[in-house]
Amino acid sequence: MHCCCCEHRHKFKCRTGCCEDHTHKIKGYTCCSDNVCYHTHILEGCCTSKDDHAHRYCIETSPAIPLPCGGHCHYVDSETNCYYGHVHDVCFEIEDKKTDLC
């Protein structure tokens, strides 16, 4: 994964949906966005290993959604790549209470 150096990105951490009696952890930082007013982010990487396998993911977040008390959030609703004959759902919210939209 290669991301530029920038001021606007988000830290994320979640657990995948359960499939074949196991889950994986996902954590990291989103790739940067050049536009704070209307923007999305890319999450790219590899889940933690479980039962001698891991899954890759490359996911684009929803556009930024303003929060009532300031800041914004993004939704993630996707899945990992298929490995060992299965995929995992990846669904969570990234919240940024500090960065207001234009």
Protein backbone atom coordinates (compact mmCIF):
# COMPACT_ATOMS: atom_id res chain seq x y z
CA MET A 1 0.00 0.00 0.00
CA HIS A 2 1.32 3.43 -0.91
CA CYS A 3 -0.31 6.59 0.35
CA CYS A 4 0.82 10.14 -0.06
CA CYS A 5 1.68 12.34 2.88
CA CYS A 6 -1.27 14.59 3.60
CA GLU A 7 -3.27 16.17 6.37
CA HIS A 8 -6.61 14.45 5.86
CA ARG A 9 -6.84 10.75 6.52
CA HIS A 10 -8.52 8.54 9.10
CA LYS A 11 -7.44 5.76 11.43
CA PHE A 12 -9.70 2.70 11.30
CA LYS A 13 -10.09 -0.59 13.13
CA CYS A 14 -12.78 -3.24 12.79
CA ARG A 15 -13.49 -6.94 12.67
CA THR A 16 -14.79 -8.61 9.52
CA GLY A 17 -18.10 -10.42 9.40
CA CYS A 18 -18.02 -14.06 10.44
CA CYS A 19 -17.65 -16.70 7.72
CA GLU A 20 -16.82 -20.38 8.17
CA ASP A 21 -16.71 -19.86 11.95
CA HIS A 22 -14.02 -17.16 12.00
CA THR A 23 -13.37 -13.43 11.59
CA HIS A 24 -10.32 -11.26 10.84
CA LYS A 25 -9.14 -7.92 12.21
CA ILE A 26 -8.62 -4.95 9.91
CA LYS A 27 -6.79 -1.81 11.01
CA GLY A 28 -4.76 0.99 9.53
CA TYR A 29 -5.07 4.43 7.99
CA THR A 30 -7.08 5.48 4.98
CA CYS A 31 -5.29 6.83 1.96
CA CYS A 32 -5.42 10.60 1.70
CA SER A 33 -8.04 12.76 0.13
CA ASP A 34 -7.17 15.93 -1.77
CA ASN A 35 -10.61 17.45 -1.29
CA VAL A 36 -12.09 17.92 2.19
CA CYS A 37 -15.44 19.33 0.98
CA TYR A 38 -16.56 16.25 -0.97
CA HIS A 39 -14.33 13.25 -0.65
CA THR A 40 -13.94 9.53 -0.22
CA HIS A 41 -10.98 7.49 1.00
CA ILE A 42 -9.39 4.20 -0.03
CA LEU A 43 -8.64 1.46 2.49
CA GLU A 44 -6.13 -1.05 1.21
CA GLY A 45 -4.25 -3.84 2.92
CA CYS A 46 -4.39 -7.32 4.37
CA CYS A 47 -6.46 -8.66 7.28
CA THR A 48 -4.87 -10.42 10.21
CA SER A 49 -4.06 -14.08 9.63
CA LYS A 50 -6.46 -16.74 10.91
CA ASP A 51 -6.22 -20.49 10.36
CA ASP A 52 -3.14 -19.99 8.17
CA HIS A 53 -4.82 -17.61 5.75
CA ALA A 54 -5.54 -13.91 5.36
CA HIS A 55 -7.62 -11.78 3.01
CA ARG A 56 -6.73 -8.66 1.06
CA TYR A 57 -9.06 -5.69 0.77
CA CYS A 58 -9.22 -2.58 -1.38
CA ILE A 59 -12.30 -0.57 -0.46
CA GLU A 60 -13.57 2.94 -1.19
CA THR A 61 -15.52 4.65 1.60
CA SER A 62 -18.78 6.49 1.13
CA PRO A 63 -18.56 10.22 0.46
CA ALA A 64 -18.11 12.34 3.60
CA ILE A 65 -21.33 12.83 5.59
CA PRO A 66 -21.55 15.93 7.86
CA LEU A 67 -22.19 15.22 11.55
CA PRO A 68 -24.76 17.35 13.46
CA CYS A 69 -22.22 18.53 16.06
CA GLY A 70 -19.39 19.15 13.57
CA GLY A 71 -16.96 16.88 11.82
CA HIS A 72 -17.94 14.14 9.39
CA CYS A 73 -18.08 10.38 8.91
CA HIS A 74 -17.71 7.79 6.17
CA TYR A 75 -19.41 4.42 5.81
CA VAL A 76 -17.66 1.28 4.64
CA ASP A 77 -19.75 -1.53 3.16
CA SER A 78 -17.81 -4.05 1.09
CA GLU A 79 -16.05 -7.40 1.35
CA THR A 80 -12.58 -8.92 1.34
CA ASN A 81 -11.15 -10.80 -1.61
CA CYS A 82 -12.02 -14.48 -2.01
CA TYR A 83 -9.46 -16.77 -0.41
CA TYR A 84 -9.86 -20.41 0.59
CA GLY A 85 -13.25 -20.31 -1.13
CA HIS A 86 -14.83 -17.58 0.98
CA VAL A 87 -15.06 -13.82 1.55
CA HIS A 88 -15.81 -11.71 4.64
CA ASP A 89 -18.14 -8.72 4.88
CA VAL A 90 -16.49 -5.46 5.89
CA CYS A 91 -19.03 -2.98 7.29
CA PHE A 92 -18.26 -0.15 9.71
CA GLU A 93 -18.23 3.63 10.20
CA ILE A 94 -15.24 5.96 10.33
CA GLU A 95 -15.91 9.11 12.35
CA ASP A 96 -13.91 12.35 12.38
CA LYS A 97 -15.27 14.83 14.94
CA LYS A 98 -12.51 17.37 14.22
CA THR A 99 -12.56 18.02 10.46
CA ASP A 100 -15.59 20.02 9.28
CA LEU A 101 -16.64 19.92 5.65
CA CYS A 102 -16.74 23.09 3.54
